[in-house]
Structure formats: structure tokens, C-alpha cells
Amino acid sequence: MTTSAIAQSDVQGLRLLIVEDEVLVGMALERALKMADILSERSFLYLFATGYGIEGLRESDKDKPVLQKSYNFADLIRIVARWRPLGV
């Protein structure tokens, strides 16, 4: 399935919050991880976009999807499209 087919059929209508890590560079890692904790507590689906891969995550976060940098829109859509069957 092409990226455009995935985008149209599987992610149409989804609302996404994208927090770019360029903003997080100045934020202490502790605050960024707290944000992940809050999202988990509230049952929000999220992913990590990082150049460190899964190895850079806390053990408690390793079940979350990881978008390895450098990524493109198609990579993001592939991960987010998996959330559609979950009723998101």
C-alpha cells in the first residue's frame, strides 16, 4: 500500500499532537519524560521520534513506537495508521 493510500484510508480524521524535539532540546530530559508519563496516565497514544532509537528510552517506554531519525512523513504515517484499528 502506498503512503498516500495509507494516509487517506487509515489516518483521515485522526487528530495528532506533534511535539518537535527542537523545542525539547532546551527542555530538561526529565521534563520531556514527565510529559510521556502524563500521556500514558491519560491513555493517550504517542510515539518517540529520536535519533537514539529504542536504546535511548527508559525501560518503561520501550513498548512505545519509535520513529528513528531521520524519518519522513511516510514513516510517521505507517506508525500512526496502526492506531486506527484501536478506535482512535
Protein backbone atom coordinates (compact mmCIF):
# COMPACT_ATOMS: atom_id res chain seq x y z
CA MET A 1 0.00 0.00 0.00
CA THR A 2 1.37 3.40 -0.91
CA THR A 3 1.85 6.18 1.60
CA SER A 4 -0.91 8.26 0.01
CA ALA A 5 -3.32 5.29 0.22
CA ILE A 6 -2.40 4.75 3.87
CA ALA A 7 -2.78 8.44 4.64
CA GLN A 8 -6.19 8.69 3.01
CA SER A 9 -7.74 5.50 4.33
CA ASP A 10 -6.17 4.98 7.74
CA VAL A 11 -5.35 8.36 9.22
CA GLN A 12 -8.12 10.56 7.87
CA GLY A 13 -9.89 12.22 10.77
CA LEU A 14 -7.19 11.48 13.35
CA ARG A 15 -6.02 14.37 15.47
CA LEU A 16 -2.32 14.41 16.25
CA LEU A 17 -0.21 16.43 18.62
CA ILE A 18 3.34 16.61 17.37
CA VAL A 19 5.96 17.87 19.79
CA GLU A 20 9.10 18.61 17.87
CA ASP A 21 12.25 17.82 19.77
CA GLU A 22 13.93 21.01 18.62
CA VAL A 23 11.81 22.62 21.31
CA LEU A 24 12.71 19.86 23.74
CA VAL A 25 16.44 20.40 23.28
CA GLY A 26 16.28 23.25 25.76
CA MET A 27 13.93 21.29 27.99
CA ALA A 28 15.47 19.02 30.57
CA LEU A 29 15.14 15.35 29.70
CA GLU A 30 13.33 14.96 32.99
CA ARG A 31 10.54 17.27 31.81
CA ALA A 32 10.22 15.50 28.47
CA LEU A 33 9.89 12.14 30.20
CA LYS A 34 7.32 13.61 32.59
CA MET A 35 5.30 14.60 29.53
CA ALA A 36 5.42 10.97 28.35
CA ASP A 37 4.29 9.83 31.81
CA ILE A 38 1.30 12.18 31.73
CA LEU A 39 0.30 10.99 28.27
CA SER A 40 0.47 7.38 29.48
CA GLU A 41 -1.56 8.14 32.61
CA ARG A 42 -4.27 9.69 30.42
CA SER A 43 -4.21 6.79 27.95
CA PHE A 44 -3.02 8.91 25.04
CA LEU A 45 -1.19 7.11 22.27
CA TYR A 46 2.20 8.58 21.48
CA LEU A 47 5.49 7.71 19.90
CA PHE A 48 9.08 8.72 20.38
CA ALA A 49 10.89 10.38 17.50
CA THR A 50 14.54 10.10 18.37
CA GLY A 51 17.94 9.62 16.89
CA TYR A 52 18.83 7.29 19.74
CA GLY A 53 16.30 4.60 18.83
CA ILE A 54 14.78 2.30 21.39
CA GLU A 55 18.11 2.09 23.23
CA GLY A 56 17.66 5.72 24.30
CA LEU A 57 14.36 5.04 26.06
CA ARG A 58 13.62 4.16 29.64
CA GLU A 59 12.67 0.55 30.19
CA SER A 60 9.08 1.63 30.91
CA ASP A 61 8.87 3.35 27.50
CA LYS A 62 10.24 0.55 25.33
CA ASP A 63 6.73 -0.65 24.45
CA LYS A 64 6.03 2.64 22.66
CA PRO A 65 6.58 3.06 18.93
CA VAL A 66 9.86 4.68 17.95
CA LEU A 67 10.28 6.80 14.86
CA GLN A 68 14.00 6.68 14.14
CA LYS A 69 15.51 9.95 12.95
CA SER A 70 15.96 10.90 10.27
CA TYR A 71 12.43 9.99 9.27
CA ASN A 72 9.96 11.15 6.68
CA PHE A 73 6.22 11.61 6.50
CA ALA A 74 5.69 8.06 5.21
CA ASP A 75 7.43 6.64 8.31
CA LEU A 76 5.16 8.68 10.60
CA ILE A 77 2.02 7.64 8.71
CA ARG A 78 2.95 3.94 8.93
CA ILE A 79 3.09 4.11 12.73
CA VAL A 80 0.03 6.31 13.20
CA ALA A 81 -2.05 4.19 10.81
CA ARG A 82 -1.65 1.25 13.20
CA TRP A 83 -3.63 3.19 15.81
CA ARG A 84 -6.79 3.32 13.65
CA PRO A 85 -7.84 -0.29 14.46
CA LEU A 86 -7.63 0.65 18.14
CA GLY A 87 -10.57 3.00 17.65
CA VAL A 88 -8.53 6.17 17.80
